[in-house]
Amino acid sequence: MSIVKVRADGNSLVVTIPVEEVRKSHLSAGDHVKVEADESSGNLTIIPMQIKPRARYDFHEVVRDVIAEERELLDRLAEYDRGHEL
């Protein structure tokens, strides 16, 4: 157990976790945690969380798919742009 001071940082309060406690909890900088407060006791609980990143799409792949799906419409618009009637 360690005793640390709560300090202000902007509009938030910050608690520094001592390195010994970090090692015990297997936390690293950048990890996500859930902080829960028990209203009756005032105790805080910090729970490590695994956050799944959102699926990232390859921009070029998405654009190719949209163009392929809308090829007929895009060709018609290109003809109109060239002055041909639709």
PDB file of N, CA and C in Angstrom:
ATOM      1  N   MET A   1       0.845  -1.178   0.000  1.00  0.00           N
ATOM      2  CA  MET A   1       0.000   0.000   0.000  1.00  0.00           C
ATOM      3  C   MET A   1       0.893   1.244   0.000  1.00  0.00           C
ATOM      4  N   SER A   2       0.452   2.234  -0.745  1.00  0.00           N
ATOM      5  CA  SER A   2       1.173   3.500  -0.812  1.00  0.00           C
ATOM      6  C   SER A   2       0.208   4.631  -0.532  1.00  0.00           C
ATOM      7  N   ILE A   3       0.735   5.713   0.011  1.00  0.00           N
ATOM      8  CA  ILE A   3      -0.068   6.916   0.227  1.00  0.00           C
ATOM      9  C   ILE A   3       0.426   7.965  -0.757  1.00  0.00           C
ATOM     10  N   VAL A   4      -0.511   8.493  -1.560  1.00  0.00           N
ATOM     11  CA  VAL A   4      -0.172   9.503  -2.549  1.00  0.00           C
ATOM     12  C   VAL A   4      -1.111  10.688  -2.381  1.00  0.00           C
ATOM     13  N   LYS A   5      -0.759  11.782  -2.981  1.00  0.00           N
ATOM     14  CA  LYS A   5      -1.546  13.008  -2.876  1.00  0.00           C
ATOM     15  C   LYS A   5      -2.392  13.196  -4.129  1.00  0.00           C
ATOM     16  N   VAL A   6      -3.630  13.617  -3.948  1.00  0.00           N
ATOM     17  CA  VAL A   6      -4.503  13.964  -5.066  1.00  0.00           C
ATOM     18  C   VAL A   6      -4.151  15.393  -5.461  1.00  0.00           C
ATOM     19  N   ARG A   7      -3.941  15.620  -6.759  1.00  0.00           N
ATOM     20  CA  ARG A   7      -3.584  16.957  -7.221  1.00  0.00           C
ATOM     21  C   ARG A   7      -4.491  17.360  -8.374  1.00  0.00           C
ATOM     22  N   ALA A   8      -4.572  18.652  -8.596  1.00  0.00           N
ATOM     23  CA  ALA A   8      -5.396  19.182  -9.679  1.00  0.00           C
ATOM     24  C   ALA A   8      -4.572  19.238 -10.957  1.00  0.00           C
ATOM     25  N   ASP A   9      -5.240  18.926 -12.078  1.00  0.00           N
ATOM     26  CA  ASP A   9      -4.626  19.045 -13.403  1.00  0.00           C
ATOM     27  C   ASP A   9      -5.728  19.515 -14.340  1.00  0.00           C
ATOM     28  N   GLY A  10      -5.795  20.813 -14.589  1.00  0.00           N
ATOM     29  CA  GLY A  10      -6.895  21.362 -15.388  1.00  0.00           C
ATOM     30  C   GLY A  10      -8.189  21.243 -14.606  1.00  0.00           C
ATOM     31  N   ASN A  11      -9.213  20.672 -15.246  1.00  0.00           N
ATOM     32  CA  ASN A  11     -10.508  20.482 -14.594  1.00  0.00           C
ATOM     33  C   ASN A  11     -10.645  19.097 -13.978  1.00  0.00           C
ATOM     34  N   SER A  12      -9.548  18.369 -13.868  1.00  0.00           N
ATOM     35  CA  SER A  12      -9.582  17.011 -13.326  1.00  0.00           C
ATOM     36  C   SER A  12      -8.709  16.909 -12.091  1.00  0.00           C
ATOM     37  N   LEU A  13      -8.917  15.843 -11.346  1.00  0.00           N
ATOM     38  CA  LEU A  13      -8.031  15.507 -10.244  1.00  0.00           C
ATOM     39  C   LEU A  13      -7.217  14.295 -10.660  1.00  0.00           C
ATOM     40  N   VAL A  14      -5.962  14.257 -10.246  1.00  0.00           N
ATOM     41  CA  VAL A  14      -5.035  13.213 -10.677  1.00  0.00           C
ATOM     42  C   VAL A  14      -4.452  12.515  -9.463  1.00  0.00           C
ATOM     43  N   VAL A  15      -4.364  11.189  -9.541  1.00  0.00           N
ATOM     44  CA  VAL A  15      -3.693  10.385  -8.534  1.00  0.00           C
ATOM     45  C   VAL A  15      -2.558   9.653  -9.231  1.00  0.00           C
ATOM     46  N   THR A  16      -1.361   9.801  -8.726  1.00  0.00           N
ATOM     47  CA  THR A  16      -0.204   9.117  -9.292  1.00  0.00           C
ATOM     48  C   THR A  16      -0.109   7.733  -8.670  1.00  0.00           C
ATOM     49  N   ILE A  17       0.067   6.717  -9.506  1.00  0.00           N
ATOM     50  CA  ILE A  17       0.195   5.347  -9.008  1.00  0.00           C
ATOM     51  C   ILE A  17       1.682   5.030  -8.878  1.00  0.00           C
ATOM     52  N   PRO A  18       2.146   4.721  -7.673  1.00  0.00           N
ATOM     53  CA  PRO A  18       3.564   4.415  -7.479  1.00  0.00           C
ATOM     54  C   PRO A  18       3.999   3.198  -8.303  1.00  0.00           C
ATOM     55  N   VAL A  19       5.255   3.194  -8.725  1.00  0.00           N
ATOM     56  CA  VAL A  19       5.769   2.164  -9.617  1.00  0.00           C
ATOM     57  C   VAL A  19       5.609   0.757  -9.029  1.00  0.00           C
ATOM     58  N   GLU A  20       5.743   0.604  -7.699  1.00  0.00           N
ATOM     59  CA  GLU A  20       5.590  -0.737  -7.103  1.00  0.00           C
ATOM     60  C   GLU A  20       4.169  -1.261  -7.323  1.00  0.00           C
ATOM     61  N   GLU A  21       3.182  -0.361  -7.180  1.00  0.00           N
ATOM     62  CA  GLU A  21       1.782  -0.761  -7.376  1.00  0.00           C
ATOM     63  C   GLU A  21       1.504  -1.026  -8.855  1.00  0.00           C
ATOM     64  N   VAL A  22       2.128  -0.260  -9.731  1.00  0.00           N
ATOM     65  CA  VAL A  22       1.966  -0.473 -11.171  1.00  0.00           C
ATOM     66  C   VAL A  22       2.485  -1.855 -11.548  1.00  0.00           C
ATOM     67  N   ARG A  23       3.649  -2.220 -11.023  1.00  0.00           N
ATOM     68  CA  ARG A  23       4.214  -3.546 -11.326  1.00  0.00           C
ATOM     69  C   ARG A  23       3.296  -4.657 -10.853  1.00  0.00           C
ATOM     70  N   LYS A  24       2.735  -4.504  -9.654  1.00  0.00           N
ATOM     71  CA  LYS A  24       1.838  -5.534  -9.108  1.00  0.00           C
ATOM     72  C   LYS A  24       0.580  -5.682  -9.967  1.00  0.00           C
ATOM     73  N   SER A  25       0.104  -4.566 -10.520  1.00  0.00           N
ATOM     74  CA  SER A  25      -1.144  -4.594 -11.283  1.00  0.00           C
ATOM     75  C   SER A  25      -0.929  -4.852 -12.767  1.00  0.00           C
ATOM     76  N   HIS A  26       0.349  -4.904 -13.202  1.00  0.00           N
ATOM     77  CA  HIS A  26       0.700  -5.135 -14.611  1.00  0.00           C
ATOM     78  C   HIS A  26       0.161  -4.040 -15.529  1.00  0.00           C
ATOM     79  N   LEU A  27       0.076  -2.814 -15.022  1.00  0.00           N
ATOM     80  CA  LEU A  27      -0.361  -1.679 -15.835  1.00  0.00           C
ATOM     81  C   LEU A  27       0.834  -1.060 -16.547  1.00  0.00           C
ATOM     82  N   SER A  28       0.545  -0.419 -17.654  1.00  0.00           N
ATOM     83  CA  SER A  28       1.562   0.329 -18.404  1.00  0.00           C
ATOM     84  C   SER A  28       0.957   1.657 -18.828  1.00  0.00           C
ATOM     85  N   ALA A  29       1.819   2.609 -19.130  1.00  0.00           N
ATOM     86  CA  ALA A  29       1.342   3.890 -19.643  1.00  0.00           C
ATOM     87  C   ALA A  29       0.514   3.638 -20.897  1.00  0.00           C
ATOM     88  N   GLY A  30      -0.640   4.277 -20.991  1.00  0.00           N
ATOM     89  CA  GLY A  30      -1.513   4.117 -22.146  1.00  0.00           C
ATOM     90  C   GLY A  30      -2.595   3.067 -21.950  1.00  0.00           C
ATOM     91  N   ASP A  31      -2.487   2.247 -20.895  1.00  0.00           N
ATOM     92  CA  ASP A  31      -3.530   1.254 -20.625  1.00  0.00           C
ATOM     93  C   ASP A  31      -4.822   1.964 -20.215  1.00  0.00           C
ATOM     94  N   HIS A  32      -5.942   1.291 -20.408  1.00  0.00           N
ATOM     95  CA  HIS A  32      -7.236   1.823 -20.000  1.00  0.00           C
ATOM     96  C   HIS A  32      -7.641   1.189 -18.673  1.00  0.00           C
ATOM     97  N   VAL A  33      -8.249   1.993 -17.823  1.00  0.00           N
ATOM     98  CA  VAL A  33      -8.767   1.495 -16.550  1.00  0.00           C
ATOM     99  C   VAL A  33     -10.167   2.050 -16.345  1.00  0.00           C
ATOM    100  N   LYS A  34     -10.941   1.326 -15.557  1.00  0.00           N
ATOM    101  CA  LYS A  34     -12.261   1.804 -15.154  1.00  0.00           C
ATOM    102  C   LYS A  34     -12.137   2.218 -13.692  1.00  0.00           C
ATOM    103  N   VAL A  35     -12.642   3.393 -13.364  1.00  0.00           N
ATOM    104  CA  VAL A  35     -12.595   3.882 -11.989  1.00  0.00           C
ATOM    105  C   VAL A  35     -14.016   3.874 -11.446  1.00  0.00           C
ATOM    106  N   GLU A  36     -14.197   3.171 -10.342  1.00  0.00           N
ATOM    107  CA  GLU A  36     -15.510   3.095  -9.714  1.00  0.00           C
ATOM    108  C   GLU A  36     -15.409   3.655  -8.298  1.00  0.00           C
ATOM    109  N   ALA A  37     -16.432   4.396  -7.896  1.00  0.00           N
ATOM    110  CA  ALA A  37     -16.486   4.945  -6.541  1.00  0.00           C
ATOM    111  C   ALA A  37     -17.673   4.338  -5.806  1.00  0.00           C
ATOM    112  N   ASP A  38     -17.431   3.884  -4.583  1.00  0.00           N
ATOM    113  CA  ASP A  38     -18.498   3.384  -3.711  1.00  0.00           C
ATOM    114  C   ASP A  38     -18.977   4.574  -2.891  1.00  0.00           C
ATOM    115  N   GLU A  39     -20.200   5.006  -3.155  1.00  0.00           N
ATOM    116  CA  GLU A  39     -20.719   6.212  -2.502  1.00  0.00           C
ATOM    117  C   GLU A  39     -20.783   6.067  -0.989  1.00  0.00           C
ATOM    118  N   SER A  40     -21.150   4.886  -0.513  1.00  0.00           N
ATOM    119  CA  SER A  40     -21.324   4.729   0.937  1.00  0.00           C
ATOM    120  C   SER A  40     -19.992   4.762   1.681  1.00  0.00           C
ATOM    121  N   SER A  41     -18.949   4.138   1.110  1.00  0.00           N
ATOM    122  CA  SER A  41     -17.657   4.096   1.811  1.00  0.00           C
ATOM    123  C   SER A  41     -16.681   5.159   1.325  1.00  0.00           C
ATOM    124  N   GLY A  42     -16.904   5.673   0.104  1.00  0.00           N
ATOM    125  CA  GLY A  42     -15.978   6.633  -0.471  1.00  0.00           C
ATOM    126  C   GLY A  42     -14.757   5.973  -1.091  1.00  0.00           C
ATOM    127  N   ASN A  43     -14.719   4.634  -1.109  1.00  0.00           N
ATOM    128  CA  ASN A  43     -13.578   3.910  -1.684  1.00  0.00           C
ATOM    129  C   ASN A  43     -13.599   3.964  -3.209  1.00  0.00           C
ATOM    130  N   LEU A  44     -12.420   4.117  -3.784  1.00  0.00           N
ATOM    131  CA  LEU A  44     -12.257   4.067  -5.231  1.00  0.00           C
ATOM    132  C   LEU A  44     -11.657   2.719  -5.607  1.00  0.00           C
ATOM    133  N   THR A  45     -12.126   2.171  -6.711  1.00  0.00           N
ATOM    134  CA  THR A  45     -11.570   0.938  -7.249  1.00  0.00           C
ATOM    135  C   THR A  45     -11.110   1.216  -8.667  1.00  0.00           C
ATOM    136  N   ILE A  46      -9.888   0.793  -8.988  1.00  0.00           N
ATOM    137  CA  ILE A  46      -9.339   0.957 -10.334  1.00  0.00           C
ATOM    138  C   ILE A  46      -9.226  -0.430 -10.941  1.00  0.00           C
ATOM    139  N   ILE A  47      -9.906  -0.629 -12.073  1.00  0.00           N
ATOM    140  CA  ILE A  47      -9.969  -1.949 -12.708  1.00  0.00           C
ATOM    141  C   ILE A  47      -9.357  -1.864 -14.102  1.00  0.00           C
ATOM    142  N   PRO A  48      -8.296  -2.635 -14.382  1.00  0.00           N
ATOM    143  CA  PRO A  48      -7.731  -2.642 -15.741  1.00  0.00           C
ATOM    144  C   PRO A  48      -8.780  -3.135 -16.741  1.00  0.00           C
ATOM    145  N   MET A  49      -8.828  -2.489 -17.906  1.00  0.00           N
ATOM    146  CA  MET A  49      -9.803  -2.840 -18.939  1.00  0.00           C
ATOM    147  C   MET A  49      -9.092  -3.111 -20.253  1.00  0.00           C
ATOM    148  N   GLN A  50      -9.591  -4.075 -20.993  1.00  0.00           N
ATOM    149  CA  GLN A  50      -9.118  -4.333 -22.341  1.00  0.00           C
ATOM    150  C   GLN A  50     -10.097  -3.669 -23.297  1.00  0.00           C
ATOM    151  N   ILE A  51      -9.623  -2.721 -24.063  1.00  0.00           N
ATOM    152  CA  ILE A  51     -10.458  -2.013 -25.031  1.00  0.00           C
ATOM    153  C   ILE A  51     -10.121  -2.542 -26.418  1.00  0.00           C
ATOM    154  N   LYS A  52     -11.154  -3.026 -27.107  1.00  0.00           N
ATOM    155  CA  LYS A  52     -10.943  -3.490 -28.476  1.00  0.00           C
ATOM    156  C   LYS A  52     -10.954  -2.281 -29.401  1.00  0.00           C
ATOM    157  N   PRO A  53      -9.910  -2.117 -30.198  1.00  0.00           N
ATOM    158  CA  PRO A  53      -9.914  -0.983 -31.123  1.00  0.00           C
ATOM    159  C   PRO A  53     -10.999  -1.160 -32.179  1.00  0.00           C
ATOM    160  N   ARG A  54     -11.534  -0.052 -32.640  1.00  0.00           N
ATOM    161  CA  ARG A  54     -12.524  -0.121 -33.716  1.00  0.00           C
ATOM    162  C   ARG A  54     -11.869  -0.667 -34.964  1.00  0.00           C
ATOM    163  N   ALA A  55     -12.692  -1.321 -35.759  1.00  0.00           N
ATOM    164  CA  ALA A  55     -12.168  -1.829 -37.025  1.00  0.00           C
ATOM    165  C   ALA A  55     -11.717  -0.646 -37.868  1.00  0.00           C
ATOM    166  N   ARG A  56     -10.555  -0.767 -38.411  1.00  0.00           N
ATOM    167  CA  ARG A  56     -10.037   0.293 -39.268  1.00  0.00           C
ATOM    168  C   ARG A  56     -10.102  -0.197 -40.712  1.00  0.00           C
ATOM    169  N   TYR A  57     -10.681   0.628 -41.546  1.00  0.00           N
ATOM    170  CA  TYR A  57     -10.811   0.262 -42.936  1.00  0.00           C
ATOM    171  C   TYR A  57      -9.707   0.916 -43.747  1.00  0.00           C
ATOM    172  N   ASP A  58      -9.260   0.212 -44.744  1.00  0.00           N
ATOM    173  CA  ASP A  58      -8.298   0.785 -45.668  1.00  0.00           C
ATOM    174  C   ASP A  58      -9.071   1.755 -46.562  1.00  0.00           C
ATOM    175  N   PHE A  59      -8.740   3.028 -46.496  1.00  0.00           N
ATOM    176  CA  PHE A  59      -9.457   4.055 -47.227  1.00  0.00           C
ATOM    177  C   PHE A  59      -9.537   3.740 -48.708  1.00  0.00           C
ATOM    178  N   HIS A  60      -8.414   3.325 -49.296  1.00  0.00           N
ATOM    179  CA  HIS A  60      -8.390   3.044 -50.732  1.00  0.00           C
ATOM    180  C   HIS A  60      -9.300   1.864 -51.076  1.00  0.00           C
ATOM    181  N   GLU A  61      -9.345   0.886 -50.210  1.00  0.00           N
ATOM    182  CA  GLU A  61     -10.213  -0.271 -50.442  1.00  0.00           C
ATOM    183  C   GLU A  61     -11.686   0.146 -50.402  1.00  0.00           C
ATOM    184  N   VAL A  62     -12.039   0.987 -49.453  1.00  0.00           N
ATOM    185  CA  VAL A  62     -13.422   1.457 -49.348  1.00  0.00           C
ATOM    186  C   VAL A  62     -13.801   2.268 -50.578  1.00  0.00           C
ATOM    187  N   VAL A  63     -12.906   3.158 -51.026  1.00  0.00           N
ATOM    188  CA  VAL A  63     -13.187   3.975 -52.206  1.00  0.00           C
ATOM    189  C   VAL A  63     -13.358   3.088 -53.437  1.00  0.00           C
ATOM    190  N   ARG A  64     -12.480   2.092 -53.604  1.00  0.00           N
ATOM    191  CA  ARG A  64     -12.616   1.171 -54.752  1.00  0.00           C
ATOM    192  C   ARG A  64     -13.961   0.451 -54.723  1.00  0.00           C
ATOM    193  N   ASP A  65     -14.394   0.024 -53.533  1.00  0.00           N
ATOM    194  CA  ASP A  65     -15.683  -0.670 -53.404  1.00  0.00           C
ATOM    195  C   ASP A  65     -16.848   0.241 -53.775  1.00  0.00           C
ATOM    196  N   VAL A  66     -16.808   1.495 -53.293  1.00  0.00           N
ATOM    197  CA  VAL A  66     -17.891   2.439 -53.602  1.00  0.00           C
ATOM    198  C   VAL A  66     -17.927   2.722 -55.095  1.00  0.00           C
ATOM    199  N   ILE A  67     -16.768   2.936 -55.706  1.00  0.00           N
ATOM    200  CA  ILE A  67     -16.720   3.199 -57.149  1.00  0.00           C
ATOM    201  C   ILE A  67     -17.259   1.998 -57.921  1.00  0.00           C
ATOM    202  N   ALA A  68     -16.872   0.794 -57.524  1.00  0.00           N
ATOM    203  CA  ALA A  68     -17.348  -0.416 -58.212  1.00  0.00           C
ATOM    204  C   ALA A  68     -18.870  -0.538 -58.086  1.00  0.00           C
ATOM    205  N   GLU A  69     -19.405  -0.254 -56.892  1.00  0.00           N
ATOM    206  CA  GLU A  69     -20.854  -0.374 -56.671  1.00  0.00           C
ATOM    207  C   GLU A  69     -21.632   0.691 -57.439  1.00  0.00           C
ATOM    208  N   GLU A  70     -21.052   1.848 -57.594  1.00  0.00           N
ATOM    209  CA  GLU A  70     -21.750   2.972 -58.224  1.00  0.00           C
ATOM    210  C   GLU A  70     -21.215   3.280 -59.618  1.00  0.00           C
ATOM    211  N   ARG A  71     -20.550   2.325 -60.263  1.00  0.00           N
ATOM    212  CA  ARG A  71     -19.916   2.544 -61.562  1.00  0.00           C
ATOM    213  C   ARG A  71     -20.898   3.085 -62.593  1.00  0.00           C
ATOM    214  N   GLU A  72     -22.092   2.500 -62.689  1.00  0.00           N
ATOM    215  CA  GLU A  72     -23.064   2.929 -63.700  1.00  0.00           C
ATOM    216  C   GLU A  72     -23.459   4.393 -63.485  1.00  0.00           C
ATOM    217  N   LEU A  73     -23.758   4.763 -62.264  1.00  0.00           N
ATOM    218  CA  LEU A  73     -24.136   6.142 -61.958  1.00  0.00           C
ATOM    219  C   LEU A  73     -22.980   7.096 -62.260  1.00  0.00           C
ATOM    220  N   LEU A  74     -21.775   6.733 -61.883  1.00  0.00           N
ATOM    221  CA  LEU A  74     -20.617   7.588 -62.131  1.00  0.00           C
ATOM    222  C   LEU A  74     -20.373   7.764 -63.628  1.00  0.00           C
ATOM    223  N   ASP A  75     -20.556   6.711 -64.412  1.00  0.00           N
ATOM    224  CA  ASP A  75     -20.399   6.817 -65.865  1.00  0.00           C
ATOM    225  C   ASP A  75     -21.448   7.756 -66.452  1.00  0.00           C
ATOM    226  N   ARG A  76     -22.712   7.657 -65.965  1.00  0.00           N
ATOM    227  CA  ARG A  76     -23.774   8.536 -66.445  1.00  0.00           C
ATOM    228  C   ARG A  76     -23.472   9.991 -66.108  1.00  0.00           C
ATOM    229  N   LEU A  77     -22.967  10.235 -64.882  1.00  0.00           N
ATOM    230  CA  LEU A  77     -22.624  11.596 -64.486  1.00  0.00           C
ATOM    231  C   LEU A  77     -21.466  12.141 -65.322  1.00  0.00           C
ATOM    232  N   ALA A  78     -20.515  11.293 -65.670  1.00  0.00           N
ATOM    233  CA  ALA A  78     -19.394  11.716 -66.503  1.00  0.00           C
ATOM    234  C   ALA A  78     -19.888  12.109 -67.894  1.00  0.00           C
ATOM    235  N   GLU A  79     -20.830  11.346 -68.435  1.00  0.00           N
ATOM    236  CA  GLU A  79     -21.410  11.675 -69.745  1.00  0.00           C
ATOM    237  C   GLU A  79     -22.140  13.020 -69.678  1.00  0.00           C
ATOM    238  N   TYR A  80     -22.893  13.224 -68.615  1.00  0.00           N
ATOM    239  CA  TYR A  80     -23.619  14.490 -68.440  1.00  0.00           C
ATOM    240  C   TYR A  80     -22.634  15.653 -68.355  1.00  0.00           C
ATOM    241  N   ASP A  81     -21.520  15.435 -67.641  1.00  0.00           N
ATOM    242  CA  ASP A  81     -20.500  16.456 -67.501  1.00  0.00           C
ATOM    243  C   ASP A  81     -19.911  16.829 -68.855  1.00  0.00           C
ATOM    244  N   ARG A  82     -19.846  15.861 -69.764  1.00  0.00           N
ATOM    245  CA  ARG A  82     -19.288  16.117 -71.098  1.00  0.00           C
ATOM    246  C   ARG A  82     -20.310  16.775 -72.028  1.00  0.00           C
ATOM    247  N   GLY A  83     -21.518  17.023 -71.504  1.00  0.00           N
ATOM    248  CA  GLY A  83     -22.540  17.708 -72.295  1.00  0.00           C
ATOM    249  C   GLY A  83     -23.508  16.760 -72.973  1.00  0.00           C
ATOM    250  N   HIS A  84     -23.431  15.479 -72.701  1.00  0.00           N
ATOM    251  CA  HIS A  84     -24.375  14.532 -73.272  1.00  0.00           C
ATOM    252  C   HIS A  84     -25.618  14.462 -72.397  1.00  0.00           C
ATOM    253  N   GLU A  85     -26.767  14.271 -73.043  1.00  0.00           N
ATOM    254  CA  GLU A  85     -28.022  14.136 -72.308  1.00  0.00           C
ATOM    255  C   GLU A  85     -28.059  12.798 -71.584  1.00  0.00           C
ATOM    256  N   LEU A  86     -28.737  12.800 -70.453  1.00  0.00           N
ATOM    257  CA  LEU A  86     -28.897  11.546 -69.683  1.00  0.00           C
ATOM    258  C   LEU A  86     -30.071  10.758 -70.160  1.00  0.00           C
TER     259      LEU A  86
END
